[in-house]
Amino acid sequence: MIVTDGEFSVPSNTVELIKKAKEKNKLRVHGILVGGWNSSAIEKLCNPVHRFSDWQAF
């Protein structure tokens, strides 16, 4: 699980490692995106991505 406000980047080698782990080990990575940012990084790592406008939305 990755919890973020969406303001981060991810190296391409990390994306590849996560992708391989998903395929080999049936890894699932959930993302929680809090706030109004659009994050391509979390989209690359997580499926599904749960979106919340703010912490109070929890």
N, C-alpha and C. Protein backbone atom coordinates (compact mmCIF):
# COMPACT_ATOMS: atom_id res chain seq x y z
N MET A 1 0.85 -1.16 0.00
CA MET A 1 0.00 0.00 0.00
C MET A 1 0.90 1.23 0.00
N ILE A 2 0.55 2.16 -0.85
CA ILE A 2 1.24 3.44 -0.90
C ILE A 2 0.22 4.54 -0.62
N VAL A 3 0.52 5.36 0.36
CA VAL A 3 -0.34 6.50 0.70
C VAL A 3 0.45 7.76 0.38
N THR A 4 -0.15 8.66 -0.40
CA THR A 4 0.57 9.85 -0.83
C THR A 4 -0.38 10.99 -1.15
N ASP A 5 0.19 12.19 -1.18
CA ASP A 5 -0.56 13.33 -1.69
C ASP A 5 -0.37 13.44 -3.20
N GLY A 6 0.43 12.55 -3.76
CA GLY A 6 0.64 12.49 -5.21
C GLY A 6 1.85 13.22 -5.71
N GLU A 7 2.53 13.90 -4.82
CA GLU A 7 3.66 14.72 -5.24
C GLU A 7 4.97 13.95 -5.05
N PHE A 8 5.22 12.99 -5.97
CA PHE A 8 6.46 12.24 -5.94
C PHE A 8 6.73 11.67 -7.33
N SER A 9 7.95 11.31 -7.55
CA SER A 9 8.32 10.65 -8.80
C SER A 9 8.84 9.26 -8.47
N VAL A 10 8.94 8.43 -9.49
CA VAL A 10 9.40 7.07 -9.27
C VAL A 10 10.38 6.71 -10.40
N PRO A 11 11.54 6.18 -10.04
CA PRO A 11 12.51 5.79 -11.06
C PRO A 11 11.97 4.64 -11.92
N SER A 12 12.36 4.62 -13.18
CA SER A 12 11.85 3.59 -14.10
C SER A 12 12.26 2.19 -13.66
N ASN A 13 13.43 2.04 -13.04
CA ASN A 13 13.82 0.71 -12.59
C ASN A 13 12.91 0.21 -11.46
N THR A 14 12.40 1.11 -10.64
CA THR A 14 11.46 0.73 -9.59
C THR A 14 10.15 0.26 -10.19
N VAL A 15 9.69 0.96 -11.21
CA VAL A 15 8.47 0.56 -11.91
C VAL A 15 8.63 -0.86 -12.48
N GLU A 16 9.77 -1.14 -13.08
CA GLU A 16 10.03 -2.47 -13.65
C GLU A 16 10.08 -3.54 -12.57
N LEU A 17 10.71 -3.26 -11.43
CA LEU A 17 10.78 -4.22 -10.34
C LEU A 17 9.38 -4.55 -9.79
N ILE A 18 8.56 -3.54 -9.63
CA ILE A 18 7.19 -3.75 -9.15
C ILE A 18 6.40 -4.54 -10.18
N LYS A 19 6.55 -4.20 -11.45
CA LYS A 19 5.84 -4.90 -12.51
C LYS A 19 6.20 -6.39 -12.52
N LYS A 20 7.47 -6.70 -12.39
CA LYS A 20 7.92 -8.10 -12.38
C LYS A 20 7.39 -8.82 -11.14
N ALA A 21 7.40 -8.16 -9.99
CA ALA A 21 6.88 -8.78 -8.78
C ALA A 21 5.38 -9.04 -8.89
N LYS A 22 4.66 -8.15 -9.54
CA LYS A 22 3.23 -8.36 -9.76
C LYS A 22 3.00 -9.60 -10.61
N GLU A 23 3.78 -9.75 -11.66
CA GLU A 23 3.61 -10.89 -12.57
C GLU A 23 4.05 -12.19 -11.91
N LYS A 24 5.20 -12.19 -11.28
CA LYS A 24 5.78 -13.42 -10.73
C LYS A 24 5.09 -13.88 -9.45
N ASN A 25 4.83 -12.93 -8.56
CA ASN A 25 4.32 -13.27 -7.23
C ASN A 25 2.87 -12.90 -7.00
N LYS A 26 2.21 -12.45 -8.07
CA LYS A 26 0.81 -11.99 -7.96
C LYS A 26 0.67 -10.88 -6.92
N LEU A 27 1.69 -10.02 -6.87
CA LEU A 27 1.69 -8.89 -5.95
C LEU A 27 0.59 -7.91 -6.33
N ARG A 28 -0.09 -7.41 -5.32
CA ARG A 28 -1.08 -6.35 -5.53
C ARG A 28 -0.61 -5.14 -4.73
N VAL A 29 -0.63 -3.99 -5.36
CA VAL A 29 -0.21 -2.76 -4.70
C VAL A 29 -1.37 -1.77 -4.79
N HIS A 30 -1.95 -1.47 -3.64
CA HIS A 30 -3.04 -0.49 -3.58
C HIS A 30 -2.44 0.88 -3.33
N GLY A 31 -3.02 1.89 -3.95
CA GLY A 31 -2.59 3.26 -3.73
C GLY A 31 -3.71 4.07 -3.13
N ILE A 32 -3.36 4.92 -2.20
CA ILE A 32 -4.32 5.88 -1.63
C ILE A 32 -3.79 7.26 -1.94
N LEU A 33 -4.54 7.98 -2.72
CA LEU A 33 -4.15 9.33 -3.14
C LEU A 33 -5.06 10.32 -2.43
N VAL A 34 -4.45 11.16 -1.60
CA VAL A 34 -5.21 12.13 -0.81
C VAL A 34 -4.90 13.53 -1.31
N GLY A 35 -5.92 14.24 -1.71
CA GLY A 35 -5.74 15.61 -2.19
C GLY A 35 -6.07 15.73 -3.66
N GLY A 36 -5.79 16.88 -4.21
CA GLY A 36 -6.18 17.17 -5.56
C GLY A 36 -5.14 16.92 -6.63
N TRP A 37 -3.98 16.38 -6.26
CA TRP A 37 -2.93 16.14 -7.24
C TRP A 37 -3.28 14.99 -8.16
N ASN A 38 -2.87 15.09 -9.40
CA ASN A 38 -2.88 13.95 -10.31
C ASN A 38 -1.48 13.38 -10.28
N SER A 39 -1.36 12.09 -10.10
CA SER A 39 -0.05 11.48 -9.94
C SER A 39 0.15 10.36 -10.94
N SER A 40 1.02 10.58 -11.89
CA SER A 40 1.33 9.51 -12.82
C SER A 40 2.17 8.44 -12.14
N ALA A 41 2.93 8.82 -11.12
CA ALA A 41 3.79 7.87 -10.41
C ALA A 41 2.94 6.80 -9.72
N ILE A 42 1.91 7.20 -9.03
CA ILE A 42 1.09 6.22 -8.32
C ILE A 42 0.33 5.34 -9.30
N GLU A 43 -0.04 5.89 -10.44
CA GLU A 43 -0.71 5.10 -11.47
C GLU A 43 0.21 4.01 -12.02
N LYS A 44 1.50 4.29 -12.09
CA LYS A 44 2.46 3.32 -12.59
C LYS A 44 2.70 2.18 -11.61
N LEU A 45 2.54 2.44 -10.32
CA LEU A 45 2.86 1.46 -9.29
C LEU A 45 1.65 0.70 -8.76
N CYS A 46 0.51 1.33 -8.73
CA CYS A 46 -0.64 0.79 -8.01
C CYS A 46 -1.82 0.47 -8.90
N ASN A 47 -2.51 -0.59 -8.51
CA ASN A 47 -3.78 -0.93 -9.12
C ASN A 47 -4.55 -1.75 -8.10
N PRO A 48 -5.56 -1.18 -7.52
CA PRO A 48 -6.24 0.05 -7.84
C PRO A 48 -5.66 1.26 -7.09
N VAL A 49 -6.12 2.44 -7.50
CA VAL A 49 -5.80 3.68 -6.79
C VAL A 49 -7.11 4.20 -6.21
N HIS A 50 -7.13 4.39 -4.90
CA HIS A 50 -8.29 4.92 -4.19
C HIS A 50 -8.04 6.41 -3.98
N ARG A 51 -8.99 7.23 -4.39
CA ARG A 51 -8.80 8.68 -4.35
C ARG A 51 -9.73 9.33 -3.30
N PHE A 52 -9.14 10.23 -2.54
CA PHE A 52 -9.89 10.98 -1.53
C PHE A 52 -9.51 12.44 -1.64
N SER A 53 -10.50 13.31 -1.56
CA SER A 53 -10.23 14.73 -1.72
C SER A 53 -9.43 15.29 -0.54
N ASP A 54 -9.63 14.75 0.65
CA ASP A 54 -8.85 15.16 1.83
C ASP A 54 -8.97 14.09 2.90
N TRP A 55 -8.23 14.25 4.00
CA TRP A 55 -8.25 13.24 5.07
C TRP A 55 -9.63 13.08 5.68
N GLN A 56 -10.41 14.14 5.71
CA GLN A 56 -11.75 14.06 6.30
C GLN A 56 -12.68 13.20 5.46
N ALA A 57 -12.33 13.00 4.20
CA ALA A 57 -13.15 12.14 3.34
C ALA A 57 -13.07 10.68 3.75
N PHE A 58 -12.01 10.33 4.52
CA PHE A 58 -11.89 8.98 5.03
C PHE A 58 -13.01 8.74 5.99
